[in-house]
């Protein structure tokens, strides 16, 4: 019997990319937004998504426009 492929994760945020660009660890971000490192890891891996309030807090902590944290839905 053939194994079923796991469905591909829908990538919604690009927080992991922004953290790498800014050379900030997920642990540092977790401290800044008062969340556990595990929560930030799950968000960075697109296993879960932040609330809009948390997304705003992350944008402020990283000093970026909130839109930079999301993958665009269409090209300009």
PDB file of N, CA and C in Angstrom:
ATOM      1  N   UNK A   1       0.834  -1.175   0.000  1.00  0.00           N
ATOM      2  CA  UNK A   1       0.000   0.000   0.000  1.00  0.00           C
ATOM      3  C   UNK A   1       0.888   1.251   0.000  1.00  0.00           C
ATOM      4  N   UNK A   2       0.595   2.181  -0.872  1.00  0.00           N
ATOM      5  CA  UNK A   2       1.387   3.407  -0.985  1.00  0.00           C
ATOM      6  C   UNK A   2       1.057   4.354   0.162  1.00  0.00           C
ATOM      7  N   UNK A   3       2.109   4.992   0.663  1.00  0.00           N
ATOM      8  CA  UNK A   3       1.908   5.975   1.723  1.00  0.00           C
ATOM      9  C   UNK A   3       1.340   7.254   1.131  1.00  0.00           C
ATOM     10  N   UNK A   4       0.405   7.846   1.855  1.00  0.00           N
ATOM     11  CA  UNK A   4      -0.150   9.123   1.425  1.00  0.00           C
ATOM     12  C   UNK A   4       0.825  10.225   1.796  1.00  0.00           C
ATOM     13  N   UNK A   5       0.972  11.171   0.887  1.00  0.00           N
ATOM     14  CA  UNK A   5       1.808  12.331   1.169  1.00  0.00           C
ATOM     15  C   UNK A   5       1.058  13.269   2.106  1.00  0.00           C
ATOM     16  N   UNK A   6       1.778  13.809   3.044  1.00  0.00           N
ATOM     17  CA  UNK A   6       1.175  14.789   3.941  1.00  0.00           C
ATOM     18  C   UNK A   6       0.857  16.044   3.129  1.00  0.00           C
ATOM     19  N   UNK A   7      -0.254  16.678   3.399  1.00  0.00           N
ATOM     20  CA  UNK A   7      -0.579  17.892   2.653  1.00  0.00           C
ATOM     21  C   UNK A   7       0.468  18.977   2.916  1.00  0.00           C
ATOM     22  N   UNK A   8       0.774  19.730   1.879  1.00  0.00           N
ATOM     23  CA  UNK A   8       1.765  20.794   2.013  1.00  0.00           C
ATOM     24  C   UNK A   8       1.204  21.891   2.912  1.00  0.00           C
ATOM     25  N   UNK A   9       2.062  22.386   3.817  1.00  0.00           N
ATOM     26  CA  UNK A   9       1.637  23.448   4.724  1.00  0.00           C
ATOM     27  C   UNK A   9       1.399  24.729   3.941  1.00  0.00           C
ATOM     28  N   UNK A  10       0.338  25.403   4.243  1.00  0.00           N
ATOM     29  CA  UNK A  10       0.043  26.686   3.632  1.00  0.00           C
ATOM     30  C   UNK A  10       0.914  27.733   4.315  1.00  0.00           C
ATOM     31  N   UNK A  11       1.767  28.361   3.534  1.00  0.00           N
ATOM     32  CA  UNK A  11       2.646  29.381   4.099  1.00  0.00           C
ATOM     33  C   UNK A  11       1.944  30.722   4.023  1.00  0.00           C
ATOM     34  N   UNK A  12       1.672  31.269   5.177  1.00  0.00           N
ATOM     35  CA  UNK A  12       0.945  32.532   5.269  1.00  0.00           C
ATOM     36  C   UNK A  12       1.858  33.664   5.741  1.00  0.00           C
ATOM     37  N   UNK A  13       2.733  33.346   6.689  1.00  0.00           N
ATOM     38  CA  UNK A  13       3.595  34.413   7.201  1.00  0.00           C
ATOM     39  C   UNK A  13       5.056  34.157   6.815  1.00  0.00           C
ATOM     40  N   UNK A  14       5.829  35.223   6.853  1.00  0.00           N
ATOM     41  CA  UNK A  14       7.259  35.132   6.541  1.00  0.00           C
ATOM     42  C   UNK A  14       8.097  35.683   7.707  1.00  0.00           C
ATOM     43  N   UNK A  15       7.609  35.431   8.904  1.00  0.00           N
ATOM     44  CA  UNK A  15       8.285  35.926  10.104  1.00  0.00           C
ATOM     45  C   UNK A  15       9.677  35.323  10.227  1.00  0.00           C
ATOM     46  N   UNK A  16       9.816  34.050   9.909  1.00  0.00           N
ATOM     47  CA  UNK A  16      11.118  33.385   9.988  1.00  0.00           C
ATOM     48  C   UNK A  16      12.146  34.088   9.091  1.00  0.00           C
ATOM     49  N   UNK A  17      11.716  34.487   7.899  1.00  0.00           N
ATOM     50  CA  UNK A  17      12.593  35.181   6.949  1.00  0.00           C
ATOM     51  C   UNK A  17      13.011  36.534   7.507  1.00  0.00           C
ATOM     52  N   UNK A  18      12.050  37.265   8.063  1.00  0.00           N
ATOM     53  CA  UNK A  18      12.338  38.588   8.618  1.00  0.00           C
ATOM     54  C   UNK A  18      13.286  38.475   9.816  1.00  0.00           C
ATOM     55  N   UNK A  19      13.086  37.465  10.649  1.00  0.00           N
ATOM     56  CA  UNK A  19      14.008  37.252  11.776  1.00  0.00           C
ATOM     57  C   UNK A  19      15.425  37.019  11.277  1.00  0.00           C
ATOM     58  N   UNK A  20      15.578  36.219  10.227  1.00  0.00           N
ATOM     59  CA  UNK A  20      16.906  35.938   9.671  1.00  0.00           C
ATOM     60  C   UNK A  20      17.516  37.216   9.089  1.00  0.00           C
ATOM     61  N   UNK A  21      16.717  37.992   8.376  1.00  0.00           N
ATOM     62  CA  UNK A  21      17.209  39.251   7.786  1.00  0.00           C
ATOM     63  C   UNK A  21      17.689  40.213   8.865  1.00  0.00           C
ATOM     64  N   UNK A  22      16.994  40.231   9.982  1.00  0.00           N
ATOM     65  CA  UNK A  22      17.332  41.150  11.074  1.00  0.00           C
ATOM     66  C   UNK A  22      18.299  40.534  12.091  1.00  0.00           C
ATOM     67  N   UNK A  23      18.650  39.269  11.856  1.00  0.00           N
ATOM     68  CA  UNK A  23      19.562  38.543  12.751  1.00  0.00           C
ATOM     69  C   UNK A  23      19.057  38.543  14.194  1.00  0.00           C
ATOM     70  N   UNK A  24      17.778  38.231  14.325  1.00  0.00           N
ATOM     71  CA  UNK A  24      17.138  38.138  15.643  1.00  0.00           C
ATOM     72  C   UNK A  24      16.686  36.692  15.821  1.00  0.00           C
ATOM     73  N   UNK A  25      16.914  36.127  16.988  1.00  0.00           N
ATOM     74  CA  UNK A  25      16.496  34.744  17.236  1.00  0.00           C
ATOM     75  C   UNK A  25      15.024  34.704  17.630  1.00  0.00           C
ATOM     76  N   UNK A  26      14.430  33.533  17.445  1.00  0.00           N
ATOM     77  CA  UNK A  26      13.029  33.383  17.848  1.00  0.00           C
ATOM     78  C   UNK A  26      12.895  33.530  19.358  1.00  0.00           C
ATOM     79  N   UNK A  27      13.940  33.181  20.090  1.00  0.00           N
ATOM     80  CA  UNK A  27      13.903  33.330  21.554  1.00  0.00           C
ATOM     81  C   UNK A  27      13.875  34.805  21.946  1.00  0.00           C
ATOM     82  N   UNK A  28      14.662  35.625  21.227  1.00  0.00           N
ATOM     83  CA  UNK A  28      14.652  37.069  21.507  1.00  0.00           C
ATOM     84  C   UNK A  28      13.286  37.671  21.190  1.00  0.00           C
ATOM     85  N   UNK A  29      12.718  37.249  20.068  1.00  0.00           N
ATOM     86  CA  UNK A  29      11.390  37.748  19.696  1.00  0.00           C
ATOM     87  C   UNK A  29      10.362  37.318  20.735  1.00  0.00           C
ATOM     88  N   UNK A  30      10.456  36.085  21.195  1.00  0.00           N
ATOM     89  CA  UNK A  30       9.520  35.577  22.202  1.00  0.00           C
ATOM     90  C   UNK A  30       9.544  36.460  23.457  1.00  0.00           C
ATOM     91  N   UNK A  31      10.733  36.851  23.879  1.00  0.00           N
ATOM     92  CA  UNK A  31      10.851  37.721  25.060  1.00  0.00           C
ATOM     93  C   UNK A  31      10.207  39.075  24.804  1.00  0.00           C
ATOM     94  N   UNK A  32      10.443  39.622  23.598  1.00  0.00           N
ATOM     95  CA  UNK A  32       9.915  40.955  23.275  1.00  0.00           C
ATOM     96  C   UNK A  32       8.393  40.986  23.249  1.00  0.00           C
ATOM     97  N   UNK A  33       7.776  39.896  22.793  1.00  0.00           N
ATOM     98  CA  UNK A  33       6.306  39.883  22.681  1.00  0.00           C
ATOM     99  C   UNK A  33       5.641  39.064  23.788  1.00  0.00           C
ATOM    100  N   UNK A  34       6.435  38.645  24.753  1.00  0.00           N
ATOM    101  CA  UNK A  34       5.935  37.924  25.937  1.00  0.00           C
ATOM    102  C   UNK A  34       5.179  36.643  25.578  1.00  0.00           C
ATOM    103  N   UNK A  35       5.798  35.846  24.694  1.00  0.00           N
ATOM    104  CA  UNK A  35       5.270  34.533  24.320  1.00  0.00           C
ATOM    105  C   UNK A  35       6.363  33.508  24.551  1.00  0.00           C
ATOM    106  N   UNK A  36       6.009  32.228  24.564  1.00  0.00           N
ATOM    107  CA  UNK A  36       7.032  31.201  24.754  1.00  0.00           C
ATOM    108  C   UNK A  36       7.813  31.017  23.452  1.00  0.00           C
ATOM    109  N   UNK A  37       9.069  30.611  23.544  1.00  0.00           N
ATOM    110  CA  UNK A  37       9.846  30.327  22.325  1.00  0.00           C
ATOM    111  C   UNK A  37       9.160  29.273  21.453  1.00  0.00           C
ATOM    112  N   UNK A  38       8.482  28.307  22.090  1.00  0.00           N
ATOM    113  CA  UNK A  38       7.782  27.268  21.345  1.00  0.00           C
ATOM    114  C   UNK A  38       6.650  27.872  20.491  1.00  0.00           C
ATOM    115  N   UNK A  39       5.946  28.830  21.038  1.00  0.00           N
ATOM    116  CA  UNK A  39       4.874  29.502  20.290  1.00  0.00           C
ATOM    117  C   UNK A  39       5.439  30.211  19.070  1.00  0.00           C
ATOM    118  N   UNK A  40       6.537  30.919  19.251  1.00  0.00           N
ATOM    119  CA  UNK A  40       7.154  31.646  18.140  1.00  0.00           C
ATOM    120  C   UNK A  40       7.692  30.672  17.097  1.00  0.00           C
ATOM    121  N   UNK A  41       8.257  29.556  17.527  1.00  0.00           N
ATOM    122  CA  UNK A  41       8.750  28.542  16.589  1.00  0.00           C
ATOM    123  C   UNK A  41       7.608  28.008  15.742  1.00  0.00           C
ATOM    124  N   UNK A  42       6.476  27.709  16.364  1.00  0.00           N
ATOM    125  CA  UNK A  42       5.318  27.187  15.618  1.00  0.00           C
ATOM    126  C   UNK A  42       4.805  28.219  14.610  1.00  0.00           C
ATOM    127  N   UNK A  43       4.832  29.480  14.991  1.00  0.00           N
ATOM    128  CA  UNK A  43       4.407  30.539  14.074  1.00  0.00           C
ATOM    129  C   UNK A  43       5.411  30.670  12.925  1.00  0.00           C
ATOM    130  N   UNK A  44       6.694  30.662  13.253  1.00  0.00           N
ATOM    131  CA  UNK A  44       7.735  30.776  12.217  1.00  0.00           C
ATOM    132  C   UNK A  44       7.678  29.623  11.217  1.00  0.00           C
ATOM    133  N   UNK A  45       7.293  28.459  11.679  1.00  0.00           N
ATOM    134  CA  UNK A  45       7.202  27.285  10.808  1.00  0.00           C
ATOM    135  C   UNK A  45       5.837  27.159  10.138  1.00  0.00           C
ATOM    136  N   UNK A  46       4.996  28.164  10.319  1.00  0.00           N
ATOM    137  CA  UNK A  46       3.651  28.181   9.746  1.00  0.00           C
ATOM    138  C   UNK A  46       2.796  26.999  10.204  1.00  0.00           C
ATOM    139  N   UNK A  47       3.092  26.481  11.386  1.00  0.00           N
ATOM    140  CA  UNK A  47       2.271  25.415  11.972  1.00  0.00           C
ATOM    141  C   UNK A  47       1.044  26.011  12.639  1.00  0.00           C
ATOM    142  N   UNK A  48       1.166  27.261  13.059  1.00  0.00           N
ATOM    143  CA  UNK A  48       0.031  28.015  13.575  1.00  0.00           C
ATOM    144  C   UNK A  48       0.240  29.459  13.133  1.00  0.00           C
ATOM    145  N   UNK A  49      -0.822  30.248  13.229  1.00  0.00           N
ATOM    146  CA  UNK A  49      -0.739  31.640  12.798  1.00  0.00           C
ATOM    147  C   UNK A  49      -1.039  32.562  13.975  1.00  0.00           C
ATOM    148  N   UNK A  50      -0.352  33.700  14.012  1.00  0.00           N
ATOM    149  CA  UNK A  50      -0.600  34.643  15.106  1.00  0.00           C
ATOM    150  C   UNK A  50      -1.935  35.357  14.920  1.00  0.00           C
ATOM    151  N   UNK A  51      -2.485  35.811  16.015  1.00  0.00           N
ATOM    152  CA  UNK A  51      -3.660  36.676  15.934  1.00  0.00           C
ATOM    153  C   UNK A  51      -3.212  37.995  15.308  1.00  0.00           C
ATOM    154  N   UNK A  52      -4.149  38.785  14.862  1.00  0.00           N
ATOM    155  CA  UNK A  52      -3.785  40.093  14.303  1.00  0.00           C
ATOM    156  C   UNK A  52      -3.103  40.967  15.355  1.00  0.00           C
ATOM    157  N   UNK A  53      -3.562  40.860  16.586  1.00  0.00           N
ATOM    158  CA  UNK A  53      -2.951  41.634  17.672  1.00  0.00           C
ATOM    159  C   UNK A  53      -1.487  41.219  17.862  1.00  0.00           C
ATOM    160  N   UNK A  54      -1.229  39.908  17.877  1.00  0.00           N
ATOM    161  CA  UNK A  54       0.142  39.428  18.043  1.00  0.00           C
ATOM    162  C   UNK A  54       0.983  39.775  16.811  1.00  0.00           C
ATOM    163  N   UNK A  55       0.402  39.689  15.635  1.00  0.00           N
ATOM    164  CA  UNK A  55       1.129  40.048  14.413  1.00  0.00           C
ATOM    165  C   UNK A  55       1.577  41.505  14.484  1.00  0.00           C
ATOM    166  N   UNK A  56       0.695  42.363  14.984  1.00  0.00           N
ATOM    167  CA  UNK A  56       1.037  43.785  15.155  1.00  0.00           C
ATOM    168  C   UNK A  56       2.162  43.941  16.182  1.00  0.00           C
ATOM    169  N   UNK A  57       2.088  43.213  17.282  1.00  0.00           N
ATOM    170  CA  UNK A  57       3.140  43.282  18.303  1.00  0.00           C
ATOM    171  C   UNK A  57       4.480  42.817  17.738  1.00  0.00           C
ATOM    172  N   UNK A  58       4.455  41.775  16.916  1.00  0.00           N
ATOM    173  CA  UNK A  58       5.681  41.268  16.289  1.00  0.00           C
ATOM    174  C   UNK A  58       6.250  42.315  15.344  1.00  0.00           C
ATOM    175  N   UNK A  59       5.392  42.942  14.543  1.00  0.00           N
ATOM    176  CA  UNK A  59       5.850  43.980  13.615  1.00  0.00           C
ATOM    177  C   UNK A  59       6.511  45.131  14.370  1.00  0.00           C
ATOM    178  N   UNK A  60       5.900  45.542  15.464  1.00  0.00           N
ATOM    179  CA  UNK A  60       6.468  46.627  16.277  1.00  0.00           C
ATOM    180  C   UNK A  60       7.804  46.192  16.880  1.00  0.00           C
ATOM    181  N   UNK A  61       7.863  44.977  17.414  1.00  0.00           N
ATOM    182  CA  UNK A  61       9.103  44.466  18.027  1.00  0.00           C
ATOM    183  C   UNK A  61      10.237  44.364  17.007  1.00  0.00           C
ATOM    184  N   UNK A  62       9.879  44.039  15.750  1.00  0.00           N
ATOM    185  CA  UNK A  62      10.902  43.898  14.700  1.00  0.00           C
ATOM    186  C   UNK A  62      11.125  45.189  13.924  1.00  0.00           C
ATOM    187  N   UNK A  63      10.350  46.210  14.255  1.00  0.00           N
ATOM    188  CA  UNK A  63      10.454  47.508  13.593  1.00  0.00           C
ATOM    189  C   UNK A  63      10.255  47.389  12.077  1.00  0.00           C
ATOM    190  N   UNK A  64       9.176  46.693  11.686  1.00  0.00           N
ATOM    191  CA  UNK A  64       8.840  46.542  10.269  1.00  0.00           C
ATOM    192  C   UNK A  64       7.363  46.840  10.074  1.00  0.00           C
ATOM    193  N   UNK A  65       6.999  47.121   8.829  1.00  0.00           N
ATOM    194  CA  UNK A  65       5.583  47.267   8.479  1.00  0.00           C
ATOM    195  C   UNK A  65       4.943  45.892   8.617  1.00  0.00           C
ATOM    196  N   UNK A  66       3.752  45.839   9.149  1.00  0.00           N
ATOM    197  CA  UNK A  66       3.073  44.562   9.377  1.00  0.00           C
ATOM    198  C   UNK A  66       2.965  43.753   8.088  1.00  0.00           C
ATOM    199  N   UNK A  67       2.841  44.428   6.946  1.00  0.00           N
ATOM    200  CA  UNK A  67       2.697  43.734   5.658  1.00  0.00           C
ATOM    201  C   UNK A  67       3.936  42.922   5.288  1.00  0.00           C
ATOM    202  N   UNK A  68       5.084  43.323   5.824  1.00  0.00           N
ATOM    203  CA  UNK A  68       6.326  42.586   5.538  1.00  0.00           C
ATOM    204  C   UNK A  68       6.330  41.197   6.177  1.00  0.00           C
ATOM    205  N   UNK A  69       5.440  40.977   7.131  1.00  0.00           N
ATOM    206  CA  UNK A  69       5.389  39.695   7.838  1.00  0.00           C
ATOM    207  C   UNK A  69       4.480  38.668   7.148  1.00  0.00           C
ATOM    208  N   UNK A  70       3.791  39.109   6.106  1.00  0.00           N
ATOM    209  CA  UNK A  70       2.850  38.242   5.417  1.00  0.00           C
ATOM    210  C   UNK A  70       3.298  37.970   3.986  1.00  0.00           C
ATOM    211  N   UNK A  71       2.967  36.787   3.490  1.00  0.00           N
ATOM    212  CA  UNK A  71       3.244  36.447   2.106  1.00  0.00           C
ATOM    213  C   UNK A  71       2.120  37.049   1.262  1.00  0.00           C
ATOM    214  N   UNK A  72       2.466  37.856   0.239  1.00  0.00           N
ATOM    215  CA  UNK A  72       1.425  38.480  -0.584  1.00  0.00           C
ATOM    216  C   UNK A  72       0.532  37.443  -1.266  1.00  0.00           C
ATOM    217  N   UNK A  73      -0.716  37.815  -1.450  1.00  0.00           N
ATOM    218  CA  UNK A  73      -1.649  36.900  -2.110  1.00  0.00           C
ATOM    219  C   UNK A  73      -1.672  37.097  -3.618  1.00  0.00           C
ATOM    220  N   UNK A  74      -1.149  38.236  -4.080  1.00  0.00           N
ATOM    221  CA  UNK A  74      -1.046  38.441  -5.518  1.00  0.00           C
ATOM    222  C   UNK A  74       0.092  39.390  -5.821  1.00  0.00           C
ATOM    223  N   UNK A  75       0.589  39.284  -7.052  1.00  0.00           N
ATOM    224  CA  UNK A  75       1.676  40.174  -7.484  1.00  0.00           C
ATOM    225  C   UNK A  75       1.133  41.570  -7.732  1.00  0.00           C
ATOM    226  N   UNK A  76       2.018  42.522  -7.610  1.00  0.00           N
ATOM    227  CA  UNK A  76       1.621  43.927  -7.837  1.00  0.00           C
ATOM    228  C   UNK A  76       1.426  44.198  -9.307  1.00  0.00           C
TER     229      UNK A  76
END
